[in-house]
């Protein structure tokens, strides 16, 4: 999902376009949402727009947008630490342990600017979301003992998988892991 070129470099000098529909229309009708979201990304020249996959299913960006704006928008959800609450709506598999982090990441890259235009009706140069104060965690996948983790090799003298009480822990140290579960 994340382009090779830094997003900030791509969006320099770009201004927010006029909204393509009202916030109410976008929330009420998923077809309007998807149409305006795709057109919006084309208008701001996003280098890569793909629907993320979490736990083997495409993330419903319409539901994500509705849930975050219902709680006051990205900045408020971050400040009030409501990502777990937002993630609860999606009923992810228990093996998807980093859902809050992944939802926040995808929202900030795919929906933040859209929110600024359609929810807050922002005009002018693109703004950037408030950076996280905490370092980005490794994404962790849990699987029952004996499934998927056997035979993995250490990376930089650090084991990728560790058996502990019948559960294998496999850490994905990639900053841009988009598929979990």
Protein backbone atom coordinates (compact mmCIF):
# COMPACT_ATOMS: atom_id res chain seq x y z
CA UNK A 1 0.00 0.00 0.00
CA UNK A 2 2.78 2.44 0.74
CA UNK A 3 4.57 3.83 -2.29
CA UNK A 4 8.36 3.62 -2.61
CA UNK A 5 8.53 7.41 -2.87
CA UNK A 6 7.66 9.11 0.41
CA UNK A 7 4.08 10.35 0.42
CA UNK A 8 5.13 13.82 1.60
CA UNK A 9 7.35 14.22 -1.49
CA UNK A 10 4.55 13.25 -3.87
CA UNK A 11 2.03 15.62 -2.30
CA UNK A 12 4.21 18.75 -2.08
CA UNK A 13 2.54 21.69 -3.78
CA UNK A 14 -0.80 19.88 -4.06
CA UNK A 15 -3.94 21.63 -2.81
CA UNK A 16 -7.14 20.06 -1.62
CA UNK A 17 -9.74 19.86 -4.39
CA UNK A 18 -13.37 20.85 -3.87
CA UNK A 19 -15.47 18.07 -2.32
CA UNK A 20 -17.08 15.76 -4.87
CA UNK A 21 -20.10 15.10 -2.61
CA UNK A 22 -21.27 16.08 0.83
CA UNK A 23 -20.11 14.16 3.88
CA UNK A 24 -23.70 13.02 4.44
CA UNK A 25 -23.96 11.61 0.88
CA UNK A 26 -20.65 9.79 1.25
CA UNK A 27 -21.63 8.26 4.60
CA UNK A 28 -25.08 7.22 3.40
CA UNK A 29 -24.08 5.65 0.07
CA UNK A 30 -21.07 3.34 -0.31
CA UNK A 31 -21.19 3.69 -4.11
CA UNK A 32 -20.84 7.47 -3.82
CA UNK A 33 -18.03 6.97 -1.31
CA UNK A 34 -16.01 4.62 -3.56
CA UNK A 35 -16.56 6.76 -6.64
CA UNK A 36 -15.50 9.97 -4.90
CA UNK A 37 -12.56 8.29 -3.11
CA UNK A 38 -11.10 6.95 -6.36
CA UNK A 39 -11.62 10.27 -8.14
CA UNK A 40 -10.15 12.14 -5.17
CA UNK A 41 -6.95 10.05 -5.24
CA UNK A 42 -6.66 10.63 -8.97
CA UNK A 43 -7.07 14.40 -8.47
CA UNK A 44 -4.35 14.62 -5.82
CA UNK A 45 -2.10 12.37 -7.90
CA UNK A 46 -1.70 9.58 -5.35
CA UNK A 47 1.03 7.31 -6.68
CA UNK A 48 -0.62 4.09 -5.56
CA UNK A 49 -4.19 3.42 -4.48
CA UNK A 50 -5.06 -0.14 -3.54
CA UNK A 51 -7.58 -1.55 -1.12
CA UNK A 52 -5.67 -3.14 1.80
CA UNK A 53 -6.18 -6.75 2.85
CA UNK A 54 -6.37 -7.61 6.57
CA UNK A 55 -6.92 -11.13 7.79
CA UNK A 56 -7.43 -12.34 4.22
CA UNK A 57 -10.27 -9.89 3.50
CA UNK A 58 -10.34 -6.51 1.80
CA UNK A 59 -10.66 -3.72 4.32
CA UNK A 60 -13.95 -1.89 3.86
CA UNK A 61 -12.70 1.67 3.64
CA UNK A 62 -16.26 3.02 3.63
CA UNK A 63 -16.98 1.52 7.04
CA UNK A 64 -13.58 2.69 8.30
CA UNK A 65 -14.29 6.25 7.13
CA UNK A 66 -17.79 6.24 8.64
CA UNK A 67 -16.56 4.91 12.00
CA UNK A 68 -13.66 7.35 12.29
CA UNK A 69 -15.65 10.43 11.26
CA UNK A 70 -18.48 9.36 13.58
CA UNK A 71 -15.92 9.66 16.38
CA UNK A 72 -14.76 13.12 15.27
CA UNK A 73 -12.10 12.30 12.66
CA UNK A 74 -8.57 10.93 12.53
CA UNK A 75 -6.90 13.41 14.91
CA UNK A 76 -9.56 12.91 17.58
CA UNK A 77 -9.46 9.11 17.30
CA UNK A 78 -5.66 9.26 17.67
CA UNK A 79 -5.81 11.68 20.62
CA UNK A 80 -8.50 9.66 22.42
CA UNK A 81 -6.91 6.31 21.54
CA UNK A 82 -10.08 4.94 19.96
CA UNK A 83 -8.49 2.74 17.28
CA UNK A 84 -9.30 -0.46 19.16
CA UNK A 85 -12.93 0.65 19.37
CA UNK A 86 -12.96 1.38 15.63
CA UNK A 87 -11.36 -1.99 14.95
CA UNK A 88 -14.02 -3.76 16.99
CA UNK A 89 -16.56 -2.95 14.30
CA UNK A 90 -14.67 -5.14 11.82
CA UNK A 91 -14.63 -8.28 14.00
CA UNK A 92 -11.12 -9.27 12.90
CA UNK A 93 -9.78 -12.73 13.68
CA UNK A 94 -8.06 -13.00 17.08
CA UNK A 95 -4.83 -13.71 15.15
CA UNK A 96 -4.94 -10.16 13.77
CA UNK A 97 -3.19 -8.66 16.78
CA UNK A 98 -2.12 -5.33 15.30
CA UNK A 99 -5.49 -4.26 13.89
CA UNK A 100 -5.45 -0.86 15.60
CA UNK A 101 -2.01 -0.03 14.22
CA UNK A 102 -2.86 -1.25 10.72
CA UNK A 103 -6.20 0.61 10.63
CA UNK A 104 -4.49 3.83 11.68
CA UNK A 105 -1.78 3.37 9.06
CA UNK A 106 -4.26 2.71 6.25
CA UNK A 107 -6.54 5.52 7.34
CA UNK A 108 -3.67 8.01 7.39
CA UNK A 109 -2.47 7.00 3.92
CA UNK A 110 -5.80 6.43 2.14
CA UNK A 111 -8.50 8.41 3.97
CA UNK A 112 -6.92 11.27 5.93
CA UNK A 113 -6.87 13.79 3.06
CA UNK A 114 -10.29 12.63 1.88
CA UNK A 115 -11.58 13.26 5.42
CA UNK A 116 -10.08 16.76 5.39
CA UNK A 117 -12.06 17.64 2.27
CA UNK A 118 -15.35 15.80 2.82
CA UNK A 119 -15.71 15.91 6.61
CA UNK A 120 -13.87 19.09 7.60
CA UNK A 121 -14.25 20.88 4.22
CA UNK A 122 -10.59 21.95 4.35
CA UNK A 123 -9.19 24.04 1.50
CA UNK A 124 -5.63 25.00 0.59
CA UNK A 125 -2.41 22.97 0.72
CA UNK A 126 -2.54 19.39 1.91
CA UNK A 127 -1.87 18.98 5.61
CA UNK A 128 -0.20 15.98 7.18
CA UNK A 129 -1.57 13.87 10.01
CA UNK A 130 -0.06 14.24 13.46
CA UNK A 131 2.84 11.80 13.72
CA UNK A 132 2.73 9.02 16.25
CA UNK A 133 4.62 9.71 19.47
CA UNK A 134 5.40 6.03 19.90
CA UNK A 135 7.74 4.02 17.68
CA UNK A 136 6.00 1.74 15.21
CA UNK A 137 5.58 -1.75 16.70
CA UNK A 138 6.43 -4.96 14.93
CA UNK A 139 3.37 -6.68 13.56
CA UNK A 140 2.83 -10.04 15.23
CA UNK A 141 0.91 -13.05 14.00
CA UNK A 142 -0.09 -15.89 16.33
CA UNK A 143 -0.71 -19.42 15.18
CA UNK A 144 -1.38 -22.68 16.99
CA UNK A 145 1.66 -24.82 17.77
CA UNK A 146 3.01 -26.57 14.73
CA UNK A 147 1.33 -24.38 12.11
CA UNK A 148 3.37 -22.11 9.92
CA UNK A 149 6.28 -21.32 12.17
CA UNK A 150 8.40 -24.51 11.96
CA UNK A 151 11.64 -24.25 10.09
CA UNK A 152 11.93 -20.46 10.09
CA UNK A 153 15.43 -19.05 10.21
CA UNK A 154 16.82 -16.35 12.46
CA UNK A 155 17.25 -12.87 11.02
CA UNK A 156 20.30 -10.95 12.28
CA UNK A 157 20.76 -13.48 15.10
CA UNK A 158 17.20 -12.84 16.31
CA UNK A 159 14.78 -15.79 16.10
CA UNK A 160 11.78 -15.12 13.87
CA UNK A 161 9.67 -17.72 15.67
CA UNK A 162 9.68 -18.69 19.32
CA UNK A 163 7.68 -21.56 20.80
CA UNK A 164 6.06 -20.53 24.07
CA UNK A 165 3.31 -22.51 25.75
CA UNK A 166 1.99 -24.00 22.53
CA UNK A 167 1.81 -20.77 20.54
CA UNK A 168 4.26 -19.63 17.89
CA UNK A 169 5.02 -15.94 17.66
CA UNK A 170 6.17 -14.71 14.28
CA UNK A 171 7.17 -11.08 14.12
CA UNK A 172 7.07 -9.18 10.85
CA UNK A 173 9.58 -6.38 11.09
CA UNK A 174 8.61 -4.76 7.83
CA UNK A 175 7.36 -1.23 8.37
CA UNK A 176 4.85 -1.58 5.54
CA UNK A 177 3.26 -4.97 6.17
CA UNK A 178 -0.20 -4.81 4.69
CA UNK A 179 -1.46 -8.36 5.08
CA UNK A 180 -1.92 -9.90 8.49
CA UNK A 181 -3.66 -13.02 9.66
